[in-house]
N, C-alpha and C. Protein backbone atom coordinates (compact mmCIF):
# COMPACT_ATOMS: atom_id res chain seq x y z
N MET A 1 89.69 97.44 -71.41
CA MET A 1 90.12 97.51 -70.14
C MET A 1 89.48 97.71 -69.13
N LEU A 2 88.80 98.69 -68.64
CA LEU A 2 87.71 99.08 -67.66
C LEU A 2 86.54 98.00 -68.06
N LEU A 3 85.86 97.93 -69.32
CA LEU A 3 84.87 97.09 -69.76
C LEU A 3 85.16 95.86 -68.96
N GLY A 4 86.64 95.26 -69.62
CA GLY A 4 86.76 94.04 -69.23
C GLY A 4 86.59 93.94 -67.70
N LEU A 5 87.16 94.69 -67.00
CA LEU A 5 87.01 94.54 -65.28
C LEU A 5 85.30 94.47 -65.06
N LEU A 6 84.83 95.72 -65.50
CA LEU A 6 83.15 95.83 -65.04
C LEU A 6 82.54 94.49 -65.73
N ARG A 7 83.08 93.76 -66.95
CA ARG A 7 82.12 92.75 -67.17
C ARG A 7 82.48 91.61 -65.85
N LEU A 8 83.61 91.73 -65.57
CA LEU A 8 83.77 90.57 -64.58
C LEU A 8 83.44 90.89 -63.24
N LEU A 9 83.40 92.30 -62.82
CA LEU A 9 82.57 92.11 -61.53
C LEU A 9 81.29 92.26 -61.31
N PRO A 10 80.96 92.16 -60.26
CA PRO A 10 78.87 92.26 -59.93
C PRO A 10 78.82 93.77 -60.33
N ILE A 11 79.58 94.67 -59.81
CA ILE A 11 79.35 96.12 -60.00
C ILE A 11 78.77 96.58 -61.69
N ALA A 12 79.40 95.69 -62.53
CA ALA A 12 78.95 95.86 -63.79
C ALA A 12 77.42 95.65 -63.90
N ALA A 13 76.75 95.08 -63.13
CA ALA A 13 74.87 95.48 -63.36
C ALA A 13 74.93 96.83 -63.72
N ALA A 14 75.28 97.72 -62.48
CA ALA A 14 75.00 99.12 -62.40
C ALA A 14 75.49 99.90 -63.85
N PHE A 15 76.62 99.35 -64.23
CA PHE A 15 77.09 100.15 -65.39
C PHE A 15 76.82 99.40 -66.88
N SER A 16 76.10 98.70 -66.52
CA SER A 16 76.06 97.70 -68.02
C SER A 16 75.20 98.53 -69.37
N ALA A 17 74.17 99.57 -68.67
CA ALA A 17 73.54 100.38 -69.23
C ALA A 17 74.51 101.53 -70.00
N LEU A 18 75.52 101.76 -69.38
CA LEU A 18 76.14 102.71 -69.59
C LEU A 18 77.57 102.40 -70.68
N LEU A 19 77.69 101.24 -70.39
CA LEU A 19 78.79 100.85 -71.42
C LEU A 19 78.45 99.64 -72.48
N ALA A 20 77.21 99.59 -72.73
CA ALA A 20 76.82 98.43 -73.58
C ALA A 20 76.96 98.55 -74.83
N GLY A 21 77.49 97.84 -75.16
CA GLY A 21 78.27 97.74 -76.57
C GLY A 21 79.90 98.00 -76.69
N ALA A 22 80.43 98.25 -75.86
CA ALA A 22 81.63 99.19 -75.91
C ALA A 22 82.80 97.80 -76.26
N ALA A 23 83.94 97.98 -76.83
CA ALA A 23 84.86 97.32 -77.04
C ALA A 23 85.41 96.78 -75.62
N PRO A 24 86.22 95.47 -75.06
CA PRO A 24 86.59 95.74 -73.94
C PRO A 24 87.96 95.96 -74.09
N ALA A 25 88.20 96.64 -75.06
CA ALA A 25 89.70 97.01 -74.93
C ALA A 25 90.01 98.80 -75.11
N ASP A 26 88.65 99.07 -74.99
CA ASP A 26 88.22 100.62 -75.32
C ASP A 26 87.72 101.80 -74.46
N ALA A 27 87.91 101.05 -72.81
CA ALA A 27 87.69 101.95 -71.71
C ALA A 27 88.53 102.16 -71.03
N GLN A 28 88.82 103.45 -70.42
CA GLN A 28 89.66 103.86 -69.86
C GLN A 28 89.70 104.38 -68.49
N LEU A 29 88.45 104.19 -67.97
CA LEU A 29 88.13 104.87 -66.72
C LEU A 29 88.68 104.49 -65.80
N LEU A 30 88.94 103.17 -64.90
CA LEU A 30 89.55 103.03 -63.80
C LEU A 30 90.98 102.99 -63.89
N GLY A 31 91.72 102.60 -65.25
CA GLY A 31 92.90 102.55 -65.72
C GLY A 31 93.48 103.85 -65.71
N LEU A 32 92.96 105.19 -66.16
CA LEU A 32 93.59 106.48 -65.86
C LEU A 32 93.78 107.10 -64.46
N GLU A 33 92.86 106.64 -63.47
CA GLU A 33 92.99 107.16 -62.04
C GLU A 33 94.43 106.20 -62.02
N TYR A 34 94.40 105.02 -62.04
CA TYR A 34 95.67 104.19 -61.58
C TYR A 34 97.06 104.64 -62.07
N TYR A 35 96.88 105.18 -63.31
CA TYR A 35 98.20 105.65 -64.02
C TYR A 35 98.63 106.84 -64.13
N LEU A 36 97.54 107.78 -62.82
CA LEU A 36 98.08 109.28 -62.65
C LEU A 36 98.70 108.82 -61.00
N PRO A 37 99.35 110.24 -60.77
CA PRO A 37 99.79 110.08 -59.48
C PRO A 37 98.97 109.73 -58.33
N GLN A 38 98.97 108.90 -57.06
CA GLN A 38 97.93 108.63 -56.52
C GLN A 38 97.76 109.80 -55.18
N PRO A 39 96.59 109.51 -54.53
CA PRO A 39 96.36 110.71 -53.50
C PRO A 39 97.28 110.66 -52.96
N LYS A 40 97.49 112.13 -52.16
CA LYS A 40 98.39 112.07 -51.05
C LYS A 40 97.52 111.64 -49.79
N VAL A 41 96.10 112.14 -49.58
CA VAL A 41 95.40 111.70 -48.53
C VAL A 41 94.06 110.78 -48.28
N GLU A 42 93.91 110.44 -47.36
CA GLU A 42 92.83 109.54 -47.36
C GLU A 42 91.72 110.20 -47.11
N PHE A 43 90.36 109.62 -47.81
CA PHE A 43 88.95 110.47 -47.79
C PHE A 43 87.75 109.54 -48.10
N SER A 44 86.87 109.95 -48.56
CA SER A 44 85.46 109.71 -48.63
C SER A 44 84.62 110.29 -49.80
N ALA A 45 83.95 110.06 -50.63
CA ALA A 45 83.30 110.87 -51.43
C ALA A 45 82.09 109.90 -52.04
N ASP A 46 81.12 110.82 -52.21
CA ASP A 46 79.69 110.31 -53.39
C ASP A 46 80.87 110.53 -54.77
N PHE A 47 80.05 109.45 -55.29
CA PHE A 47 80.33 109.90 -56.81
C PHE A 47 79.09 109.02 -57.93
N THR A 48 79.19 109.98 -59.25
CA THR A 48 78.37 109.49 -60.07
C THR A 48 79.30 109.35 -61.34
N VAL A 49 78.78 108.28 -62.04
CA VAL A 49 79.28 107.88 -63.22
C VAL A 49 78.08 108.11 -64.61
N THR A 50 78.34 109.10 -65.27
CA THR A 50 77.38 109.50 -66.59
C THR A 50 77.86 108.88 -67.95
N SER A 51 76.85 108.24 -68.52
CA SER A 51 77.08 108.28 -69.97
C SER A 51 75.78 108.13 -70.79
N ASP A 52 75.56 108.74 -71.84
CA ASP A 52 74.37 108.30 -72.50
C ASP A 52 73.06 108.96 -71.89
N GLY A 53 73.37 109.48 -71.08
CA GLY A 53 72.10 110.40 -70.25
C GLY A 53 71.58 109.13 -69.20
N ASP A 54 72.54 108.45 -68.86
CA ASP A 54 72.36 107.40 -67.69
C ASP A 54 73.07 107.96 -66.65
N THR A 55 72.65 107.85 -65.64
CA THR A 55 74.02 108.18 -64.52
C THR A 55 73.68 106.95 -63.55
N VAL A 56 74.63 106.29 -62.55
CA VAL A 56 74.63 105.60 -61.63
C VAL A 56 75.82 106.41 -60.60
N ALA A 57 74.93 106.01 -59.05
CA ALA A 57 75.67 106.62 -58.42
C ALA A 57 76.36 105.72 -56.90
N GLY A 58 77.03 106.37 -56.42
CA GLY A 58 77.63 105.20 -55.42
C GLY A 58 78.52 106.32 -54.29
N LYS A 59 79.30 105.42 -53.85
CA LYS A 59 80.49 105.90 -52.72
C LYS A 59 81.83 105.10 -52.64
N MET A 60 82.67 106.09 -52.54
CA MET A 60 84.24 105.92 -52.48
C MET A 60 84.50 105.97 -51.20
N MET A 61 85.68 105.17 -51.12
CA MET A 61 86.54 105.71 -49.82
C MET A 61 87.88 105.06 -50.35
N ARG A 62 89.02 106.07 -49.80
CA ARG A 62 90.79 105.54 -49.93
C ARG A 62 91.38 106.06 -49.04
N SER A 63 92.11 105.17 -49.11
CA SER A 63 93.47 105.05 -48.29
C SER A 63 94.95 105.11 -48.99
N HIS A 64 95.17 105.91 -49.42
CA HIS A 64 96.16 105.46 -50.25
C HIS A 64 96.07 104.66 -51.26
N ASP A 65 97.01 103.50 -51.37
CA ASP A 65 96.96 102.33 -52.21
C ASP A 65 95.60 101.51 -52.06
N LYS A 66 94.68 101.96 -51.53
CA LYS A 66 93.66 100.96 -51.24
C LYS A 66 92.66 101.31 -51.52
N GLU A 67 91.22 101.50 -52.07
CA GLU A 67 90.01 102.07 -52.60
C GLU A 67 88.98 100.94 -52.59
N ARG A 68 87.72 101.53 -51.98
CA ARG A 68 86.67 100.95 -52.13
C ARG A 68 85.37 101.63 -52.53
N ARG A 69 84.81 100.98 -53.45
CA ARG A 69 83.59 101.71 -53.85
C ARG A 69 82.35 100.78 -54.42
N GLU A 70 81.24 101.72 -53.63
CA GLU A 70 79.85 101.04 -53.50
C GLU A 70 78.56 101.50 -54.24
N VAL A 71 78.07 100.28 -54.80
CA VAL A 71 76.74 100.94 -55.54
C VAL A 71 75.58 100.06 -55.44
N VAL A 72 74.60 100.51 -55.87
CA VAL A 72 73.16 100.03 -55.47
C VAL A 72 73.01 99.92 -57.07
N ALA A 73 73.18 98.58 -57.37
CA ALA A 73 72.63 98.00 -58.77
C ALA A 73 71.10 96.91 -58.61
N GLU A 74 70.06 97.68 -59.07
CA GLU A 74 68.65 97.05 -59.06
C GLU A 74 68.33 96.42 -57.65
N GLY A 75 68.84 97.44 -56.48
CA GLY A 75 68.49 97.00 -55.30
C GLY A 75 68.94 96.45 -54.28
N ASN A 76 70.11 95.68 -54.86
CA ASN A 76 71.57 95.11 -54.10
C ASN A 76 72.39 95.97 -54.16
N ARG A 77 73.19 95.98 -53.30
CA ARG A 77 74.40 96.40 -52.86
C ARG A 77 75.45 95.56 -53.38
N GLU A 78 76.44 96.34 -54.06
CA GLU A 78 77.81 95.68 -54.95
C GLU A 78 79.17 96.33 -54.15
N VAL A 79 80.21 95.77 -54.27
CA VAL A 79 81.51 96.37 -53.83
C VAL A 79 82.80 96.15 -54.43
N MET A 80 83.21 97.17 -54.87
CA MET A 80 84.40 96.58 -55.29
C MET A 80 85.82 97.30 -54.51
N ILE A 81 86.54 96.21 -54.27
CA ILE A 81 88.21 96.88 -53.27
C ILE A 81 89.16 96.77 -54.20
N ILE A 82 89.76 97.95 -54.40
CA ILE A 82 91.04 98.02 -54.85
C ILE A 82 92.01 97.67 -54.07
N ARG A 83 93.15 96.86 -54.45
CA ARG A 83 94.20 96.84 -53.67
C ARG A 83 95.40 96.97 -53.78
N GLY A 84 95.88 98.24 -54.17
CA GLY A 84 97.31 98.56 -55.16
C GLY A 84 98.38 97.73 -54.28
N ASP A 85 98.20 97.65 -52.99
CA ASP A 85 99.30 97.08 -52.11
C ASP A 85 99.82 95.87 -52.41
N ARG A 86 98.39 94.96 -52.90
CA ARG A 86 98.68 93.48 -52.98
C ARG A 86 98.51 93.58 -54.78
N GLY A 87 98.03 94.18 -55.72
CA GLY A 87 97.75 93.94 -56.84
C GLY A 87 96.72 93.11 -57.03
N ILE A 88 95.63 93.26 -55.95
CA ILE A 88 94.56 92.65 -56.43
C ILE A 88 93.25 93.50 -56.52
N VAL A 89 91.85 92.65 -56.87
CA VAL A 89 90.87 93.88 -57.17
C VAL A 89 89.63 92.67 -56.34
N TRP A 90 89.20 93.03 -55.63
CA TRP A 90 87.89 92.17 -55.00
C TRP A 90 86.64 92.81 -55.66
N SER A 91 86.03 91.88 -55.71
CA SER A 91 84.35 92.24 -56.48
C SER A 91 83.43 91.75 -55.36
N LEU A 92 82.70 92.11 -54.25
CA LEU A 92 81.82 91.58 -53.48
C LEU A 92 80.29 91.74 -53.98
N SER A 93 80.21 90.69 -53.40
CA SER A 93 78.17 91.08 -53.54
C SER A 93 77.89 90.16 -51.99
N PRO A 94 77.66 91.42 -51.08
CA PRO A 94 77.32 91.56 -49.80
C PRO A 94 75.77 90.83 -49.14
N ASP A 95 74.98 90.68 -50.33
CA ASP A 95 73.61 90.12 -50.13
C ASP A 95 73.81 88.13 -49.96
N ASP A 96 75.12 88.16 -51.13
CA ASP A 96 74.94 86.74 -50.95
C ASP A 96 76.47 85.92 -50.33
N LYS A 97 77.26 87.27 -49.69
CA LYS A 97 78.20 86.85 -49.28
C LYS A 97 79.62 86.33 -49.89
N LEU A 98 79.65 86.50 -51.32
CA LEU A 98 80.37 86.05 -52.17
C LEU A 98 81.44 86.82 -52.78
N TYR A 99 82.18 86.49 -53.24
CA TYR A 99 83.57 87.68 -53.65
C TYR A 99 84.20 87.01 -54.70
N LEU A 100 84.43 87.64 -55.94
CA LEU A 100 85.29 87.34 -57.03
C LEU A 100 86.83 88.12 -56.78
N GLU A 101 87.98 87.55 -57.39
CA GLU A 101 89.09 88.15 -57.14
C GLU A 101 89.94 88.12 -58.46
N THR A 102 90.61 89.04 -58.60
CA THR A 102 91.34 89.32 -60.20
C THR A 102 92.53 90.00 -59.98
N SER A 103 93.88 89.91 -60.64
CA SER A 103 94.91 90.34 -60.49
C SER A 103 94.59 91.99 -60.90
N LEU A 104 95.28 93.08 -60.35
CA LEU A 104 95.09 94.24 -60.78
C LEU A 104 95.47 94.50 -62.55
N ASP A 105 96.58 94.31 -62.13
CA ASP A 105 96.93 94.42 -63.92
C ASP A 105 96.14 93.52 -64.81
N GLU A 106 95.87 92.39 -64.60
CA GLU A 106 94.70 92.21 -65.56
C GLU A 106 93.39 93.03 -65.89
N ALA A 107 93.17 93.80 -64.75
CA ALA A 107 91.98 94.70 -65.00
C ALA A 107 92.28 95.74 -65.65
N LEU A 108 93.51 96.28 -65.36
CA LEU A 108 94.14 97.11 -66.29
C LEU A 108 94.33 97.18 -67.55
N GLY A 109 94.38 96.09 -67.90
CA GLY A 109 94.83 95.44 -69.11
C GLY A 109 96.11 95.03 -69.33
N ARG A 110 96.84 94.89 -68.33
CA ARG A 110 98.78 94.94 -68.27
C ARG A 110 98.85 93.30 -67.96
N ILE A 111 98.46 92.83 -68.98
CA ILE A 111 98.87 91.34 -69.07
C ILE A 111 100.27 90.68 -69.05
N PRO A 112 100.88 90.10 -68.34
CA PRO A 112 102.20 89.84 -68.65
C PRO A 112 102.65 89.10 -69.87
N ASP A 113 103.70 89.23 -70.43
CA ASP A 113 103.88 88.67 -71.89
C ASP A 113 104.99 87.89 -71.35
N ALA A 114 105.47 86.85 -72.09
CA ALA A 114 106.38 85.56 -72.07
C ALA A 114 107.56 85.63 -71.05
N ASP A 115 107.65 86.86 -71.20
CA ASP A 115 109.04 87.21 -69.87
C ASP A 115 108.58 87.67 -68.52
N GLY A 116 106.87 87.52 -68.35
CA GLY A 116 106.54 88.02 -66.99
C GLY A 116 106.18 89.59 -66.88
N LYS A 117 106.97 90.57 -68.11
CA LYS A 117 106.75 91.69 -67.80
C LYS A 117 105.27 92.17 -68.45
N ALA A 118 104.59 92.91 -67.91
CA ALA A 118 103.01 93.56 -67.88
C ALA A 118 104.10 94.77 -68.67
N PRO A 119 103.08 95.15 -69.72
CA PRO A 119 102.88 96.16 -70.65
C PRO A 119 102.68 97.43 -69.88
N GLU A 120 103.07 99.20 -70.05
CA GLU A 120 103.25 100.14 -69.38
C GLU A 120 102.20 101.27 -70.29
N PRO A 121 101.23 101.62 -70.17
CA PRO A 121 100.53 102.62 -70.78
C PRO A 121 101.65 103.93 -71.37
N GLN A 122 101.42 104.31 -72.69
CA GLN A 122 102.12 105.44 -73.23
C GLN A 122 101.15 106.80 -73.25
N ILE A 123 100.98 107.56 -72.32
CA ILE A 123 100.55 108.65 -72.55
C ILE A 123 100.99 110.04 -71.86
N THR A 124 100.70 111.12 -72.28
CA THR A 124 101.36 112.50 -72.21
C THR A 124 100.00 113.38 -71.72
N VAL A 125 100.48 114.06 -70.77
CA VAL A 125 99.34 114.94 -69.80
C VAL A 125 99.85 116.35 -70.04
N THR A 126 98.60 117.12 -70.52
CA THR A 126 99.28 118.42 -70.52
C THR A 126 98.03 119.44 -69.48
N PRO A 127 98.97 120.02 -68.78
CA PRO A 127 97.94 121.06 -67.90
C PRO A 127 97.23 122.02 -69.08
N LEU A 128 95.96 122.31 -68.25
CA LEU A 128 95.07 122.96 -69.06
C LEU A 128 94.34 124.27 -68.09
N GLY A 129 95.03 124.56 -66.61
CA GLY A 129 94.55 125.65 -66.34
C GLY A 129 94.11 124.92 -64.87
N GLN A 130 93.43 126.40 -64.30
CA GLN A 130 92.82 125.78 -62.80
C GLN A 130 90.98 125.86 -62.84
N GLU A 131 90.30 125.26 -61.96
CA GLU A 131 89.27 125.29 -61.94
C GLU A 131 88.20 125.02 -60.61
N SER A 132 87.83 125.07 -60.22
CA SER A 132 86.90 124.13 -58.82
C SER A 132 85.59 123.47 -59.18
N ILE A 133 85.77 122.50 -58.32
CA ILE A 133 84.71 121.60 -58.45
C ILE A 133 83.96 121.04 -57.12
N ASP A 134 83.16 121.62 -56.61
CA ASP A 134 82.35 121.24 -55.31
C ASP A 134 82.58 121.74 -54.59
N GLY A 135 83.77 123.22 -54.91
CA GLY A 135 84.30 124.06 -53.82
C GLY A 135 85.61 123.56 -53.50
N VAL A 136 85.98 122.70 -54.86
CA VAL A 136 87.58 122.25 -54.30
C VAL A 136 88.38 123.07 -55.39
N PRO A 137 89.48 123.40 -55.11
CA PRO A 137 90.05 123.79 -56.28
C PRO A 137 90.92 122.72 -56.99
N VAL A 138 90.95 122.35 -58.23
CA VAL A 138 91.51 121.73 -59.23
C VAL A 138 92.34 121.78 -60.35
N THR A 139 92.73 121.16 -60.82
CA THR A 139 94.26 121.64 -61.99
C THR A 139 93.15 120.54 -62.98
N LYS A 140 92.73 121.41 -64.14
CA LYS A 140 92.74 120.71 -65.19
C LYS A 140 93.63 120.22 -66.28
N ARG A 141 93.90 118.63 -66.72
CA ARG A 141 94.82 118.00 -67.45
C ARG A 141 94.38 117.29 -68.48
N ARG A 142 94.53 117.41 -69.85
CA ARG A 142 94.69 116.61 -70.61
C ARG A 142 95.10 115.34 -70.71
N VAL A 143 94.91 114.01 -71.19
CA VAL A 143 95.36 112.86 -71.17
C VAL A 143 95.35 112.44 -72.30
N SER A 144 96.55 111.88 -73.10
CA SER A 144 96.16 111.37 -74.50
C SER A 144 97.17 110.20 -74.87
N GLY A 145 97.02 109.56 -75.53
CA GLY A 145 98.21 108.68 -75.97
C GLY A 145 97.56 107.05 -76.00
N LYS A 146 98.30 105.88 -75.77
CA LYS A 146 97.89 104.85 -75.78
C LYS A 146 97.81 103.88 -74.45
N ASP A 147 97.02 103.02 -74.32
CA ASP A 147 96.67 102.18 -73.26
C ASP A 147 98.09 101.19 -73.02
N ALA A 148 97.76 100.58 -71.88
CA ALA A 148 98.36 99.15 -72.03
C ALA A 148 98.50 98.44 -72.73
N ASP A 149 97.37 98.19 -73.04
CA ASP A 149 96.80 97.19 -74.44
C ASP A 149 96.69 97.56 -75.42
N GLY A 150 97.28 99.13 -75.68
CA GLY A 150 97.09 99.46 -77.04
C GLY A 150 96.12 100.21 -77.67
N SER A 151 94.77 100.31 -76.51
CA SER A 151 93.82 101.23 -77.21
C SER A 151 94.39 102.60 -76.86
N PRO A 152 93.16 103.43 -77.65
CA PRO A 152 93.45 104.82 -77.75
C PRO A 152 93.32 105.46 -76.33
N VAL A 153 93.82 106.34 -75.53
CA VAL A 153 93.36 107.20 -74.56
C VAL A 153 93.12 108.46 -75.01
N GLU A 154 91.75 108.63 -74.59
CA GLU A 154 91.23 110.28 -74.64
C GLU A 154 90.75 110.56 -73.60
N ALA A 155 91.13 111.70 -72.50
CA ALA A 155 90.63 111.76 -71.58
C ALA A 155 90.87 113.16 -71.05
N THR A 156 90.20 113.90 -70.50
CA THR A 156 90.31 114.94 -69.46
C THR A 156 90.04 114.72 -68.20
N VAL A 157 91.28 115.54 -66.90
CA VAL A 157 90.69 115.13 -66.25
C VAL A 157 91.33 115.83 -64.86
N TRP A 158 90.13 116.38 -63.70
CA TRP A 158 90.37 117.50 -63.03
C TRP A 158 91.02 117.22 -61.51
N THR A 159 92.11 117.21 -60.99
CA THR A 159 92.57 116.90 -59.84
C THR A 159 93.25 117.57 -58.27
N SER A 160 92.56 117.64 -57.57
CA SER A 160 92.95 118.35 -56.08
C SER A 160 94.53 118.68 -56.35
N GLU A 161 94.39 119.56 -55.03
CA GLU A 161 96.24 119.58 -55.04
C GLU A 161 96.58 118.31 -54.43
N ASP A 162 95.90 117.51 -53.54
CA ASP A 162 96.25 116.62 -52.83
C ASP A 162 96.52 115.40 -54.27
N GLY A 163 96.02 115.40 -55.20
CA GLY A 163 95.97 114.38 -55.74
C GLY A 163 94.35 113.43 -56.48
N VAL A 164 93.60 114.11 -55.59
CA VAL A 164 92.35 113.24 -55.82
C VAL A 164 91.59 113.73 -57.05
N VAL A 165 91.42 112.51 -57.66
CA VAL A 165 90.42 113.02 -58.87
C VAL A 165 88.90 113.11 -58.73
N MET A 166 88.81 114.59 -58.99
CA MET A 166 87.30 114.97 -58.97
C MET A 166 86.56 115.11 -60.18
N ARG A 167 87.17 114.68 -60.97
CA ARG A 167 86.31 114.39 -62.24
C ARG A 167 87.53 114.24 -63.40
N LEU A 168 86.35 113.03 -64.23
CA LEU A 168 87.31 112.33 -65.20
C LEU A 168 86.33 112.36 -66.40
N ASP A 169 86.90 112.61 -67.54
CA ASP A 169 85.78 112.25 -68.65
C ASP A 169 86.72 111.64 -69.55
N SER A 170 86.17 110.91 -70.33
CA SER A 170 86.58 109.74 -70.80
C SER A 170 85.54 109.24 -72.01
N VAL A 171 86.40 108.89 -73.13
CA VAL A 171 85.39 108.68 -74.43
C VAL A 171 85.92 107.11 -74.55
N VAL A 172 84.54 105.98 -74.92
CA VAL A 172 84.53 104.80 -75.27
C VAL A 172 84.08 104.52 -76.78
N VAL A 173 85.08 103.75 -77.50
CA VAL A 173 84.27 103.83 -78.68
C VAL A 173 84.13 102.18 -78.77
N ASP A 174 82.94 102.16 -78.89
CA ASP A 174 82.07 100.66 -79.16
C ASP A 174 82.28 99.94 -80.40
N ASP A 175 82.09 98.71 -80.72
CA ASP A 175 82.54 98.02 -82.04
C ASP A 175 82.19 98.26 -83.34
N ASP A 176 81.24 99.39 -83.22
CA ASP A 176 80.62 100.10 -84.61
C ASP A 176 81.12 101.25 -84.53
N GLY A 177 82.01 101.60 -84.22
CA GLY A 177 82.94 102.79 -84.02
C GLY A 177 81.85 103.86 -83.07
N ALA A 178 81.01 103.80 -82.83
CA ALA A 178 80.27 104.92 -81.88
C ALA A 178 80.83 105.35 -80.77
N ARG A 179 80.94 106.53 -80.50
CA ARG A 179 81.69 107.25 -79.25
C ARG A 179 80.84 107.36 -78.27
N HIS A 180 81.37 107.03 -77.13
CA HIS A 180 80.06 107.04 -76.01
C HIS A 180 80.89 108.04 -74.61
N ALA A 181 80.65 109.24 -74.21
CA ALA A 181 81.51 110.02 -73.47
C ALA A 181 80.85 109.56 -72.14
N ILE A 182 81.79 109.16 -70.89
CA ILE A 182 81.65 108.94 -69.58
C ILE A 182 82.26 109.81 -68.77
N ARG A 183 81.61 110.26 -67.74
CA ARG A 183 82.11 110.95 -66.90
C ARG A 183 82.19 110.62 -65.62
N LEU A 184 83.13 110.32 -64.58
CA LEU A 184 83.04 110.18 -63.23
C LEU A 184 83.39 111.83 -62.68
N GLU A 185 82.51 111.60 -61.50
CA GLU A 185 82.43 113.05 -61.05
C GLU A 185 82.38 112.88 -59.03
N LEU A 186 83.37 113.18 -58.45
CA LEU A 186 83.22 113.00 -56.84
C LEU A 186 82.47 114.44 -56.38
N HIS A 187 81.47 113.94 -55.42
CA HIS A 187 80.82 115.11 -54.69
C HIS A 187 80.89 114.84 -53.28
N HIS A 188 80.81 116.05 -52.34
CA HIS A 188 80.81 115.94 -51.26
C HIS A 188 82.31 115.13 -50.69
N LEU A 189 83.45 115.75 -50.97
CA LEU A 189 84.77 115.33 -50.67
C LEU A 189 84.81 115.21 -49.26
N ARG A 190 85.46 114.31 -48.46
CA ARG A 190 85.56 114.22 -46.89
C ARG A 190 87.06 113.77 -46.79
N VAL A 191 87.92 114.58 -46.44
CA VAL A 191 89.52 114.23 -46.28
C VAL A 191 89.58 113.97 -44.69
N ALA A 192 89.65 112.37 -44.59
CA ALA A 192 89.80 112.20 -43.02
C ALA A 192 90.14 110.57 -43.21
N PRO A 193 91.03 109.93 -42.07
CA PRO A 193 91.52 108.47 -42.18
C PRO A 193 90.41 107.81 -42.38
N GLN A 194 90.32 107.00 -43.03
CA GLN A 194 89.39 105.67 -43.39
C GLN A 194 89.71 104.48 -42.53
N ASP A 195 88.59 103.62 -41.94
CA ASP A 195 88.57 102.36 -41.28
C ASP A 195 89.38 101.41 -42.35
N PRO A 196 90.38 100.55 -41.62
CA PRO A 196 91.24 99.55 -42.35
C PRO A 196 90.27 98.55 -42.99
N GLY A 197 89.15 98.16 -42.06
CA GLY A 197 88.54 97.32 -41.94
C GLY A 197 87.50 97.35 -43.09
N LEU A 198 87.43 98.68 -44.01
CA LEU A 198 87.05 99.08 -45.20
C LEU A 198 87.45 98.16 -45.98
N PHE A 199 88.84 97.60 -46.13
CA PHE A 199 89.42 97.39 -47.45
C PHE A 199 89.78 95.94 -47.48
N GLU A 200 89.05 95.14 -46.60
CA GLU A 200 89.28 93.65 -46.37
C GLU A 200 87.86 93.02 -46.56
N ILE A 201 87.94 91.57 -46.87
CA ILE A 201 86.89 90.72 -47.34
C ILE A 201 86.49 90.54 -45.79
N PRO A 202 84.96 90.83 -45.49
CA PRO A 202 84.69 90.27 -44.12
C PRO A 202 84.71 88.71 -44.26
N ALA A 203 84.78 88.06 -42.64
CA ALA A 203 84.41 86.86 -42.49
C ALA A 203 83.65 86.33 -42.89
N GLY A 204 83.32 85.16 -43.50
CA GLY A 204 82.29 84.43 -43.76
C GLY A 204 81.50 84.48 -45.53
N TYR A 205 82.50 85.20 -46.33
CA TYR A 205 82.32 85.56 -47.54
C TYR A 205 82.79 84.28 -48.02
N ARG A 206 82.44 83.83 -49.25
CA ARG A 206 82.83 82.67 -49.91
C ARG A 206 83.15 83.45 -51.29
N ARG A 207 84.59 82.42 -51.92
CA ARG A 207 85.33 83.00 -52.95
C ARG A 207 84.75 82.13 -54.26
N ILE A 208 84.24 82.49 -55.48
CA ILE A 208 84.01 82.36 -56.61
C ILE A 208 85.24 82.09 -57.65
N MET A 209 85.39 80.74 -58.00
CA MET A 209 86.43 80.70 -58.53
C MET A 209 86.15 81.13 -59.91
N GLU A 210 86.84 81.79 -60.82
CA GLU A 210 86.59 82.24 -61.99
C GLU A 210 86.46 80.93 -63.05
N GLY A 211 85.46 80.80 -63.72
CA GLY A 211 85.37 79.98 -65.04
C GLY A 211 85.00 80.12 -66.07
N PRO A 212 84.27 79.22 -66.97
CA PRO A 212 83.30 79.82 -68.29
C PRO A 212 81.88 80.12 -67.49
N GLY A 213 81.28 81.11 -67.68
CA GLY A 213 79.71 81.80 -67.95
C GLY A 213 79.74 82.10 -66.25
N SER A 214 81.03 82.27 -65.63
CA SER A 214 80.96 82.45 -63.93
C SER A 214 80.36 83.99 -64.32
N LYS A 215 79.75 84.54 -62.94
CA LYS A 215 78.91 85.69 -62.64
C LYS A 215 78.64 85.87 -61.36
N LEU A 216 79.40 86.84 -60.68
CA LEU A 216 79.13 86.88 -59.38
C LEU A 216 77.66 87.38 -58.99
N GLY A 217 77.13 86.73 -57.86
CA GLY A 217 75.46 86.69 -57.75
C GLY A 217 74.93 85.81 -58.05
N ALA A 218 75.53 84.75 -58.83
CA ALA A 218 74.64 83.80 -59.46
C ALA A 218 75.52 82.53 -59.48
N LEU A 219 75.06 81.28 -59.41
CA LEU A 219 75.76 80.51 -58.93
C LEU A 219 75.78 78.96 -59.87
N PRO A 220 75.90 79.66 -61.09
CA PRO A 220 76.21 78.34 -62.30
C PRO A 220 76.65 77.30 -62.55
N THR A 221 76.58 76.07 -63.21
CA THR A 221 77.31 75.15 -63.03
C THR A 221 78.83 75.46 -63.24
N GLY A 222 79.73 74.98 -62.42
CA GLY A 222 81.11 75.08 -63.18
C GLY A 222 82.00 76.20 -62.37
N ILE A 223 81.15 76.83 -61.02
CA ILE A 223 81.81 77.60 -60.33
C ILE A 223 82.19 76.93 -59.28
N ALA A 224 83.16 77.20 -58.52
CA ALA A 224 83.54 76.37 -57.37
C ALA A 224 83.56 77.80 -56.32
N LEU A 225 83.14 76.92 -55.01
CA LEU A 225 83.29 78.30 -54.20
C LEU A 225 84.41 77.46 -52.83
N ALA A 226 85.04 78.85 -52.34
CA ALA A 226 85.81 78.53 -51.79
C ALA A 226 85.50 79.14 -50.01
N ARG A 227 85.33 78.41 -48.95
CA ARG A 227 84.77 79.52 -47.82
C ARG A 227 86.52 80.59 -47.38
N ARG A 228 85.92 81.91 -46.91
CA ARG A 228 87.03 82.34 -46.79
C ARG A 228 87.49 82.14 -45.20
């Protein structure tokens, strides 16, 4: 699920070292956040993703059903915009002024069947008590079950009173059966209205039409570009 999304997005460059070798159906990071109740507030925060001793840092901005994540991968700033209100995900390469678009259902592994119905995850959420992260009171919960694509879900999530996911621990199983623990954690949470322009594609960006071998940040043979 997540890995399929990250391979599609330029942000994958930053996470490739963390998720190398994981099967596409076996990562739940982004999906779990979107299967939980959505935050009641707008906010921004720094975040880190850690796995197997490697850490990637970035920034996150959230406005209800819109989210923006930014990382710097190999010296290049890369952006993911998730538009829950429109059911799409944009991946932007600001240096090249290119973007790629995919559906949120596809990113979450909810591929519609022949009848047009997208599968839903079958998960159970169990409260585990109260804690504090970065000075923010949170409720710790266990999340288990099966994802929309049938892959197992095994995670622990810490959410604030306003529904902000402050920490999420998930397990990825690679093709060889090895387990990799992944942690997403927010830092310096700032609850405040966000600029609507953060969740739009800037003028002048060109869209990459997905095709065999397509990769944002490069222009291999067969990629069609459309001016926005």
